[in-house]
Amino acid sequence: MKKSKKWSRDWKNFDWNKVREKLCEIEEMNREGKPVDKFDIGISLDEIEEYFDWLYESDSDKYFETILLIQLVRAGIPQKEAQVLVKHPEELKKAMEDLL
């Protein structure tokens, strides 16, 4: 029998709105040229790592979609476009073939 881990938060019902709001504040500060050294976004790096562990265990397809989305954005694809590509892997494959 598979034992499930004890998580520090109820990740299935976690409210990401506050984190998103804080990240938007940081983006605005960056646009205004204000320095951002340390900023509390409402979740620690350890908790983010735990969330990804939970996501991998609870919904591996969503986990891999999320990792792919992060990589596409890091590669310079606008987030909205990357979100579409992740949901339509055939278009992503064609786009990659066109680039190569």
Protein backbone atom coordinates (compact mmCIF):
# COMPACT_ATOMS: atom_id res chain seq x y z
CA MET A 1 0.00 0.00 0.00
CA LYS A 2 1.34 3.42 -1.02
CA LYS A 3 1.79 5.82 1.87
CA SER A 4 1.07 9.45 1.11
CA LYS A 5 3.30 12.19 2.43
CA LYS A 6 2.16 14.68 5.01
CA TRP A 7 2.16 18.08 3.35
CA SER A 8 2.60 21.37 5.18
CA ARG A 9 -0.33 22.88 3.28
CA ASP A 10 -3.48 21.72 1.55
CA TRP A 11 -2.00 22.22 -1.91
CA LYS A 12 -5.14 21.11 -3.71
CA ASN A 13 -7.02 24.08 -2.23
CA PHE A 14 -4.15 26.54 -1.91
CA ASP A 15 -5.15 30.10 -2.83
CA TRP A 16 -2.52 31.34 -5.28
CA ASN A 17 -4.15 34.78 -5.65
CA LYS A 18 -2.04 36.42 -2.93
CA VAL A 19 1.16 35.02 -4.44
CA ARG A 20 0.13 36.30 -7.88
CA GLU A 21 -0.62 39.75 -6.43
CA LYS A 22 2.80 39.90 -4.78
CA LEU A 23 4.52 38.81 -8.00
CA CYS A 24 2.65 41.55 -9.88
CA GLU A 25 3.94 44.05 -7.31
CA ILE A 26 7.49 42.91 -8.00
CA GLU A 27 6.96 43.19 -11.77
CA GLU A 28 5.66 46.72 -11.30
CA MET A 29 8.67 47.63 -9.16
CA ASN A 30 10.97 46.27 -11.87
CA ARG A 31 9.17 48.30 -14.55
CA GLU A 32 9.59 51.41 -12.42
CA GLY A 33 13.29 50.68 -11.99
CA LYS A 34 12.96 50.16 -8.24
CA PRO A 35 15.42 47.66 -6.81
CA VAL A 36 14.01 44.39 -5.50
CA ASP A 37 16.40 42.54 -3.21
CA LYS A 38 14.22 40.45 -0.93
CA PHE A 39 10.45 40.40 -1.18
CA ASP A 40 7.94 38.23 0.64
CA ILE A 41 5.61 36.70 -1.92
CA GLY A 42 3.65 34.66 0.60
CA ILE A 43 5.37 31.36 -0.07
CA SER A 44 8.92 30.19 0.61
CA LEU A 45 11.25 28.39 -1.78
CA ASP A 46 10.90 25.25 0.35
CA GLU A 47 7.13 25.45 0.04
CA ILE A 48 7.37 25.88 -3.73
CA GLU A 49 9.56 22.78 -3.87
CA GLU A 50 7.03 20.92 -1.71
CA TYR A 51 4.22 22.07 -4.01
CA PHE A 52 6.02 20.63 -7.03
CA ASP A 53 6.59 17.36 -5.14
CA TRP A 54 2.87 17.28 -4.32
CA LEU A 55 1.91 18.15 -7.90
CA TYR A 56 4.13 15.38 -9.28
CA GLU A 57 2.51 12.85 -6.95
CA SER A 58 -1.06 14.05 -7.38
CA ASP A 59 -1.22 15.05 -11.07
CA SER A 60 1.90 14.19 -13.04
CA ASP A 61 0.43 15.49 -16.32
CA LYS A 62 -0.14 18.92 -14.77
CA TYR A 63 3.35 18.77 -13.26
CA PHE A 64 4.98 18.20 -16.66
CA GLU A 65 2.78 20.87 -18.30
CA THR A 66 3.89 23.34 -15.64
CA ILE A 67 7.57 22.49 -16.07
CA LEU A 68 7.23 22.83 -19.85
CA LEU A 69 5.44 26.18 -19.44
CA ILE A 70 8.24 27.48 -17.22
CA GLN A 71 10.87 26.38 -19.74
CA LEU A 72 9.05 27.96 -22.68
CA VAL A 73 8.73 31.28 -20.85
CA ARG A 74 12.40 31.13 -19.86
CA ALA A 75 13.22 30.55 -23.54
CA GLY A 76 11.52 33.86 -24.37
CA ILE A 77 8.04 32.79 -25.47
CA PRO A 78 5.37 35.14 -24.09
CA GLN A 79 3.47 33.50 -21.25
CA LYS A 80 0.04 33.59 -22.91
CA GLU A 81 1.44 31.99 -26.06
CA ALA A 82 3.34 29.41 -24.00
CA GLN A 83 0.13 28.52 -22.13
CA VAL A 84 -1.58 27.79 -25.46
CA LEU A 85 1.33 25.73 -26.72
CA VAL A 86 1.42 23.61 -23.56
CA LYS A 87 -2.26 22.77 -24.02
CA HIS A 88 -1.71 21.98 -27.73
CA PRO A 89 1.42 19.87 -27.97
CA GLU A 90 0.91 19.26 -31.71
CA GLU A 91 1.30 23.01 -32.33
CA LEU A 92 4.33 23.12 -30.07
CA LYS A 93 5.90 20.22 -31.98
CA LYS A 94 5.27 21.98 -35.31
CA ALA A 95 6.71 25.24 -33.98
CA MET A 96 9.82 23.43 -32.75
CA GLU A 97 10.23 21.62 -36.07
CA ASP A 98 9.93 24.97 -37.90
CA LEU A 99 12.64 26.45 -35.67
CA LEU A 100 14.98 23.53 -36.19
